[in-house]
Amino acid sequence: MMKKKMGIQRNTELADLADRLRKLVFALDELSSVGPDGIQGTVCITDWVAAKRTVPILVGRMAGHPTIKDGNIGATTEIFYIDEANGLARSLNRWYRLGRRCGNEAGLQ
């Protein structure tokens, strides 16, 4: 059973996550190949507006990040997988090794 904390699914089934992301990649590749007119959608949305929603991210002091200086505070892109027991997290862009957790759930100071 998956537990949720801060919107991040814990103990995520890797096969399910990989399958969902492969389907997204396939859909984007398909769009690139056939163009908008070639997409056969089954869902129509009307009276729609663009909105924002909160997604889980990690914020912390970075080390070894390609664009954030070591020791500086940075934020990840959306977190898709986290395994605190093994110290590993996956964002949209990269893998992260989890170091010491912040003792204050309210965040860094």
C-alpha atoms as a PDB file:
ATOM      1  CA  MET A   1       0.000   0.000   0.000  1.00  0.00           C
ATOM      2  CA  MET A   2       1.296   3.467  -0.850  1.00  0.00           C
ATOM      3  CA  LYS A   3       1.539   6.108   1.833  1.00  0.00           C
ATOM      4  CA  LYS A   4       1.361   9.777   0.959  1.00  0.00           C
ATOM      5  CA  LYS A   5       3.186  12.593   2.689  1.00  0.00           C
ATOM      6  CA  MET A   6       3.446  16.034   1.092  1.00  0.00           C
ATOM      7  CA  GLY A   7       1.779  14.588  -2.020  1.00  0.00           C
ATOM      8  CA  ILE A   8       4.735  12.298  -2.833  1.00  0.00           C
ATOM      9  CA  GLN A   9       3.848   8.661  -3.247  1.00  0.00           C
ATOM     10  CA  ARG A  10       6.081   6.505  -1.094  1.00  0.00           C
ATOM     11  CA  ASN A  11       6.997   2.975  -2.094  1.00  0.00           C
ATOM     12  CA  THR A  12       6.014   3.792  -5.657  1.00  0.00           C
ATOM     13  CA  GLU A  13       5.791   0.754  -7.883  1.00  0.00           C
ATOM     14  CA  LEU A  14       8.704   1.336 -10.247  1.00  0.00           C
ATOM     15  CA  ALA A  15       7.171  -0.643 -13.085  1.00  0.00           C
ATOM     16  CA  ASP A  16       3.962   1.423 -12.927  1.00  0.00           C
ATOM     17  CA  LEU A  17       5.870   4.708 -12.808  1.00  0.00           C
ATOM     18  CA  ALA A  18       8.101   3.689 -15.719  1.00  0.00           C
ATOM     19  CA  ASP A  19       5.076   2.581 -17.752  1.00  0.00           C
ATOM     20  CA  ARG A  20       3.246   5.865 -17.188  1.00  0.00           C
ATOM     21  CA  LEU A  21       6.290   7.922 -18.173  1.00  0.00           C
ATOM     22  CA  ARG A  22       6.897   5.752 -21.276  1.00  0.00           C
ATOM     23  CA  LYS A  23       3.300   6.394 -22.342  1.00  0.00           C
ATOM     24  CA  LEU A  24       3.874  10.147 -21.979  1.00  0.00           C
ATOM     25  CA  VAL A  25       7.066   9.973 -24.058  1.00  0.00           C
ATOM     26  CA  PHE A  26       5.279   7.870 -26.684  1.00  0.00           C
ATOM     27  CA  ALA A  27       2.417  10.384 -26.876  1.00  0.00           C
ATOM     28  CA  LEU A  28       4.800  13.307 -27.339  1.00  0.00           C
ATOM     29  CA  ASP A  29       6.776  11.399 -29.995  1.00  0.00           C
ATOM     30  CA  GLU A  30       3.501  10.607 -31.753  1.00  0.00           C
ATOM     31  CA  LEU A  31       2.536  14.291 -31.799  1.00  0.00           C
ATOM     32  CA  SER A  32       5.930  15.145 -33.235  1.00  0.00           C
ATOM     33  CA  SER A  33       5.435  12.560 -35.988  1.00  0.00           C
ATOM     34  CA  VAL A  34       1.808  13.049 -37.024  1.00  0.00           C
ATOM     35  CA  GLY A  35       1.107  16.644 -35.954  1.00  0.00           C
ATOM     36  CA  PRO A  36      -1.980  17.927 -34.103  1.00  0.00           C
ATOM     37  CA  ASP A  37      -4.431  16.735 -36.788  1.00  0.00           C
ATOM     38  CA  GLY A  38      -3.168  13.165 -36.455  1.00  0.00           C
ATOM     39  CA  ILE A  39      -3.962  12.844 -32.747  1.00  0.00           C
ATOM     40  CA  GLN A  40      -7.095  10.826 -32.071  1.00  0.00           C
ATOM     41  CA  GLY A  41      -8.293  12.035 -28.660  1.00  0.00           C
ATOM     42  CA  THR A  42     -11.186  10.423 -26.852  1.00  0.00           C
ATOM     43  CA  VAL A  43     -11.817  13.182 -24.329  1.00  0.00           C
ATOM     44  CA  CYS A  44     -13.100  16.640 -25.186  1.00  0.00           C
ATOM     45  CA  ILE A  45     -12.880  19.442 -22.630  1.00  0.00           C
ATOM     46  CA  THR A  46     -15.014  22.557 -23.049  1.00  0.00           C
ATOM     47  CA  ASP A  47     -15.411  25.731 -21.019  1.00  0.00           C
ATOM     48  CA  TRP A  48     -11.836  25.169 -19.840  1.00  0.00           C
ATOM     49  CA  VAL A  49      -9.360  27.529 -18.244  1.00  0.00           C
ATOM     50  CA  ALA A  50      -5.680  27.121 -17.509  1.00  0.00           C
ATOM     51  CA  ALA A  51      -5.001  26.584 -13.812  1.00  0.00           C
ATOM     52  CA  LYS A  52      -2.086  25.736 -11.566  1.00  0.00           C
ATOM     53  CA  ARG A  53      -1.769  23.042  -8.973  1.00  0.00           C
ATOM     54  CA  THR A  54       0.864  22.257  -6.430  1.00  0.00           C
ATOM     55  CA  VAL A  55       3.235  19.413  -7.222  1.00  0.00           C
ATOM     56  CA  PRO A  56       5.709  17.781  -4.856  1.00  0.00           C
ATOM     57  CA  ILE A  57       9.291  19.046  -5.036  1.00  0.00           C
ATOM     58  CA  LEU A  58      12.330  18.899  -2.799  1.00  0.00           C
ATOM     59  CA  VAL A  59      14.108  21.999  -1.536  1.00  0.00           C
ATOM     60  CA  GLY A  60      17.529  21.766   0.023  1.00  0.00           C
ATOM     61  CA  ARG A  61      21.222  22.539  -0.142  1.00  0.00           C
ATOM     62  CA  MET A  62      22.644  21.234  -3.384  1.00  0.00           C
ATOM     63  CA  ALA A  63      25.970  19.567  -4.111  1.00  0.00           C
ATOM     64  CA  GLY A  64      27.010  18.448  -7.573  1.00  0.00           C
ATOM     65  CA  HIS A  65      24.084  20.080  -9.389  1.00  0.00           C
ATOM     66  CA  PRO A  66      24.938  21.235 -12.930  1.00  0.00           C
ATOM     67  CA  THR A  67      23.553  24.776 -12.486  1.00  0.00           C
ATOM     68  CA  ILE A  68      23.284  25.402  -8.724  1.00  0.00           C
ATOM     69  CA  LYS A  69      26.491  26.207  -6.850  1.00  0.00           C
ATOM     70  CA  ASP A  70      27.466  23.712  -4.139  1.00  0.00           C
ATOM     71  CA  GLY A  71      25.997  24.720  -0.779  1.00  0.00           C
ATOM     72  CA  ASN A  72      23.319  26.959  -2.275  1.00  0.00           C
ATOM     73  CA  ILE A  73      19.655  26.249  -1.662  1.00  0.00           C
ATOM     74  CA  GLY A  74      17.794  24.984  -4.703  1.00  0.00           C
ATOM     75  CA  ALA A  75      14.547  23.327  -5.669  1.00  0.00           C
ATOM     76  CA  THR A  76      13.962  20.273  -7.809  1.00  0.00           C
ATOM     77  CA  THR A  77      11.441  19.913 -10.556  1.00  0.00           C
ATOM     78  CA  GLU A  78       8.425  17.709  -9.800  1.00  0.00           C
ATOM     79  CA  ILE A  79       9.323  14.608  -7.784  1.00  0.00           C
ATOM     80  CA  PHE A  80       8.017  11.370  -9.310  1.00  0.00           C
ATOM     81  CA  TYR A  81       9.727   8.865  -7.031  1.00  0.00           C
ATOM     82  CA  ILE A  82      11.234   8.987  -3.549  1.00  0.00           C
ATOM     83  CA  ASP A  83      12.767   6.229  -1.456  1.00  0.00           C
ATOM     84  CA  GLU A  84      13.982   7.701   1.806  1.00  0.00           C
ATOM     85  CA  ALA A  85      15.174   4.355   3.142  1.00  0.00           C
ATOM     86  CA  ASN A  86      17.665   4.069   0.269  1.00  0.00           C
ATOM     87  CA  GLY A  87      18.301   7.813  -0.010  1.00  0.00           C
ATOM     88  CA  LEU A  88      17.095   8.223  -3.578  1.00  0.00           C
ATOM     89  CA  ALA A  89      14.653  10.527  -5.373  1.00  0.00           C
ATOM     90  CA  ARG A  90      13.801  11.101  -9.031  1.00  0.00           C
ATOM     91  CA  SER A  91      12.587  14.423 -10.368  1.00  0.00           C
ATOM     92  CA  LEU A  92      11.459  15.117 -13.903  1.00  0.00           C
ATOM     93  CA  ASN A  93      15.058  15.994 -14.809  1.00  0.00           C
ATOM     94  CA  ARG A  94      17.449  13.894 -12.730  1.00  0.00           C
ATOM     95  CA  TRP A  95      18.191  11.500  -9.884  1.00  0.00           C
ATOM     96  CA  TYR A  96      19.032  12.881  -6.436  1.00  0.00           C
ATOM     97  CA  ARG A  97      20.871  11.207  -3.585  1.00  0.00           C
ATOM     98  CA  LEU A  98      19.154  12.217  -0.360  1.00  0.00           C
ATOM     99  CA  GLY A  99      21.444  13.444   2.376  1.00  0.00           C
ATOM    100  CA  ARG A 100      20.409  14.508   5.850  1.00  0.00           C
ATOM    101  CA  ARG A 101      16.749  15.493   6.094  1.00  0.00           C
ATOM    102  CA  CYS A 102      15.936  18.988   7.354  1.00  0.00           C
ATOM    103  CA  GLY A 103      14.912  18.712  11.018  1.00  0.00           C
ATOM    104  CA  ASN A 104      12.255  21.375  10.512  1.00  0.00           C
ATOM    105  CA  GLU A 105       9.331  20.326   8.290  1.00  0.00           C
ATOM    106  CA  ALA A 106       8.570  24.025   7.803  1.00  0.00           C
ATOM    107  CA  GLY A 107      11.669  24.247   5.625  1.00  0.00           C
ATOM    108  CA  LEU A 108      15.182  25.604   5.488  1.00  0.00           C
ATOM    109  CA  GLN A 109      16.238  28.761   7.253  1.00  0.00           C
END
